[in-house]
Amino acid sequence: MNSFLRELTSELYEKYGSNLSNCMLVFPNRRAGLFFSKYLNELIEKPVWAPRILTINDFFKTHSQLQTEDNLGLLFRLYKIYIQKMDVSESFDEFYHWGEMLLGDFDDLDKYRVNAKHLFQNLAEEKEIDNLFDYLTEEQIAAIQSFWSTFRPEKYSEHQKEFVKLWENLYPIYSDFRDVLQSEGLAYEGMASRKLVDELESGKIEIKEDRVIFIGFNALNRCEQNLFDELKKQDKADFYWDYDESYLQNPFHEAGLFLRENIKRFPSPKTNIRFDNIKNNQTKVEFVSLSSEVGQAKYAHAVVEEFCRNSEDALEETAIVLADEELLLPVLHSIPKIAKNVNVTMGYPAKNTPVASLLRLVIDLQKSVKKSNGEVSFHHKQVLSLLNHQYLNSVNPELAHSITQDILTTNRIEVPQRLIKGDPVLEKLFSPVSSVEQFSIYLLELLQGIYQKLETTDEEKTLVDKIEQEYIYHLFLAIKRLNSLLNQHKIELKQDTFYKILDKMIQSLSIPFEGEPLAGLQVMGILETRLLDFKKIVVLSMNEGKLPKTGAANSFVPYHLRKGFGMPTIDHQDAIFAYYFYRLIQRVEDLKLLYSTQSDGIRTGEMSRFLYQLKYESDFEIVENSPSYNISLQETKPISVAKNERIQTYLSGYCGDGIKSFSPSALNTYMNCSLSFYFKYLAGLKEPDVVLEEIDPPTFGNLFHSVLEELYKPFSGNTIRKEDLEGLRKNKVLLDQVLKDAFRNIYFQLKKEQPMEIGGRNLLVFDILKKFIDRILILDQKFAPFEIVSLEGKYKIQMPIGEKADRKVNISGLIDRVDKLNDTIRILDYKTGKADLIFKDIASLFEKEGKNKNKAAFQTLLYCLFYDENYNPGAAISPGIYSLKEFFNDGFDCTLAQKEGRGNAVRVDDYRMFKAEFVEGLQELLEEIFNQDIPFYQVENKDICRTCVYAEICHR
């Protein structure tokens, strides 16, 4: 492989020898300079002074008398000038986005040495644009005229009026901003570059080095061009360009757009370096299409592993290049263990890091702070999210688990601060802050504590551990810098504004990773590849929109004006990325180009235009590959669980003297789906605990049952009269207290001394329950007087099964209410959900998977059997259902009825008319449950699976 940088190093050393130390070498990026030093070190035979090596940005910073300020410091200064000149009261967080756009425009304006006064003029009424801009080309003047031709002062639209108002203020803002920075000895990059070139051209400063050698540049801004011009005029500069003739000599190839002019304007010294590599190299090129973004990372793993095992080349000759920086972590997690050394030299978005998610949770926590009667509380969602965060969960796992369980079991929507005790880190975290200054210190201490935890957790830290520490460190610096600037510029912010600024900082912050660039597998972004050559390269995300990146940067300066004044446009961006790509591949021996076919959201799944160019316009021999994986969905085999010896033993616990017994709900579950019955009652698979912000139907039913039990309890064993029921209706204080007690015990699960507050939608549920209770009291008055026999009484029977009836199965349940009306015992079941009071026949109650099976009727008749078997009363036993969805209807009758003929229904005044048939059906059901030849199996009616909590297990 011909390495441009290695060959150039050899030529320069041969040309200058030890005098190379009197030269200054300027590269587009720092990494190229490091590799140059490496190659030079391999050539020298005795100690010599190394030449001065700089990036172009470092060159301007080093020779400028102004210090480059960071973006945040620039934004605060620009904000003050902006609100003064625009005469607006815009908050800093509202300005933040616009401020970054302005900074970008001012930076471009200065780097391209644009006449700011001319640019920011309102030219709608200018008659002599040609005369004003006589220093521009005809094409540039035409672009400016094209933009302003649509502006007519007498016909301004509202948007045009707003644009012109802002536009006319931009020059004063720009001028004052530069003056403020100049007075403090500060600058942004463009300002420092422009001032340096001005001073070089005027002779105020000079470059001391004997020779300045510029290596490997492509698109030059005006400051860079004029710098090159000036040093060329002084005969102090040499220029070396890295390119391939295939795109340089093609006038239509965008990769050579800038180089064709550069080489003509700044020719290179004579060199023996070859520039026909694409034509002559036998490069193996493979296009690989994969079905997902992450799939590319997994495929890269296999490629790198193959390179490592089957190649004698050093690992540093291999590079993974990411066109999409979002894939950095998936790639790092996918690097094979055989690649022991990995060097990462690219930025990663801070917004995607775990520490950024932690900061967002902390901000949400502080927003959720509530203070009532001197007590501080937080919303449960933020508390649970923080306790389960990967960084905080390791601080004190036992305490975090204990607090989590307390929140879930007591259904705490608001979590009091006093609950979180026992660990200084957690106590500090769950403390309210009342000012921006407090919040900054609070965050800094939190990040410092987590960093130290990672530092001491494991002496043998993995690459991912080190990267996570980088995340924390850079966000720590960003917050510290923000706090320092707020104090310096005395800008007072509300906490909410500080939260927004912090979030915007996180969104825009990119965290650089720097390692040893001379060793190990290279993982890099496309920008970091400039001037570097590798034998083996894997490029990920070769998709249109990723490479080249689409969309121009946000700017106040419209496209035509940028073009007219020679500022960069989206056209420049496409040509720049084309050069990056073709320069990267021009000397490679083995090239894998991966792209995703996934199409969703803004992703099109289309391969990059560069791949089409290689395929149809280049001399490369290309192999296309679409790795296929057998992911065809085979028909899922039905799940069944055989009743082995262990299950038989477990089932025997439901018989005879066993402590377990089947409930009516369990039997209904079995008839719906025997596998679901197994999961719930035999395997013991429980639903995960969650905090119920809103009362769900089961909890609503429990509250309703509890309130009725407490109201009727004083009358248990006695007769309740109509006036007693009316008295309960009028006793609002009693009713409210009973309801509150039910909420305390069932929903919140609090002790008497613990404070309780019913608010939000729960207050609405509270009122609905009152109306339902009132309705039952009204209905019961129609039957009064009647005797309350029992309330929520537990009943148990043993049902004999088998040929010899030698196995007795335990069945038990709670009957909501048993009362006696005249000579009839009424078995009443309260149903807050759907409940039909009419059933077809007894056989239908035992149908497996029956769509129209009346579960409520089955349960109520089973309750009748419970009472009959326990007490065998001489009186009739009437099954009844108080259905909340029915009992507001006129003429509501709670008695169960059997459907006969066309729409007619006959009341079941005594369940004994169906007892024999019901007992027979029940025995058959139980015999099936205990039959070891019949496994527990999936239900065939998939409609039942829609509300089943075990549907995911069954893949339904």
Foldseek 3Di string as FASTA:
>chain_A
DFFPLLQVLVVVCVVQPLNLQLEEEEEQDPLSVVVNVVSNVVPDDDDHHHHHYYYPLVVLCVQFQFHADDPVLLLLLLVVLVCVLLVDPDDSLVCVVVSVQLVVVLLLCLLQVFPLVVLLDLCLVPDCLCVVPVVFDPLLSVLVCVVSVVDDPVDDDPVRVVLNSVSNSSVVSSVVSVVVSVVVRYDHSSVSLNVSLVCLVVVVDDDPRQAYEYEADFDGHNSRVSVLVSCVVVVRYAYYHFAACVQCVPCPRLLNVRVVVVCVVHPHDDDPRHRHQQVPFQAAEEEEEEADQLVLLQVVQVVLVCCLPPHPDAQLLEEEAELDLQCVVSNVVSHDVSQPDEWEFEWHQLCPALVVVLLVLLLQQLVQWDADPNWIWTAPVSLLCNCPRPLNCVQDVVLSVVLNVLCQVLLDRIGTLVSRDDHPLSNLSNDHDAAPVRVLVSLLVNLVVSLVCLVPVDPPDDPVSVVNNLSSVVLSVVSVVSVVSCVVSVDGDGPVSVSSVSNVCSRPDIGTGGDPSVHTYYYYYLVVCRSGEHQEYEYGAQAVCSQLNDDDDDHSRDPSSCSSSVGDDVSNSNSNSSNSVCSHPSNYRYYYYYHYLHDDDPGHNHGHVVVVCCVPPGPHDYHYYYDDDPPDDDPDDWDWFFCDPVNLVVQLLQWDPRPDAAELVLLVVCLAFVVLSCVVPPVPDDDDGDNDPDDDPVLLVQLLLQLVCVLCVVQAQHWDFLVSLVVSLPPVVSSLVSSVVSCCCRRSNHDPPDDDDQDDCSVVSSVVSNVLSNLVSVVVNVQPGKGWHDAQDKFWDWFQADPVSPITGIYMGTQHTWIGGDQEIEREDEAADDADLEDAALVLCSHRSRPPRGSVVLNQLVVQVRCCVVPVDPGAYWYFYHYSVPSVDPPDDGTRWYDDDDRDTHGCRHSVVCVVVNSVSVRVSVCLVSPSVRIRTGDPPCVSVPPRPCCVVRVD
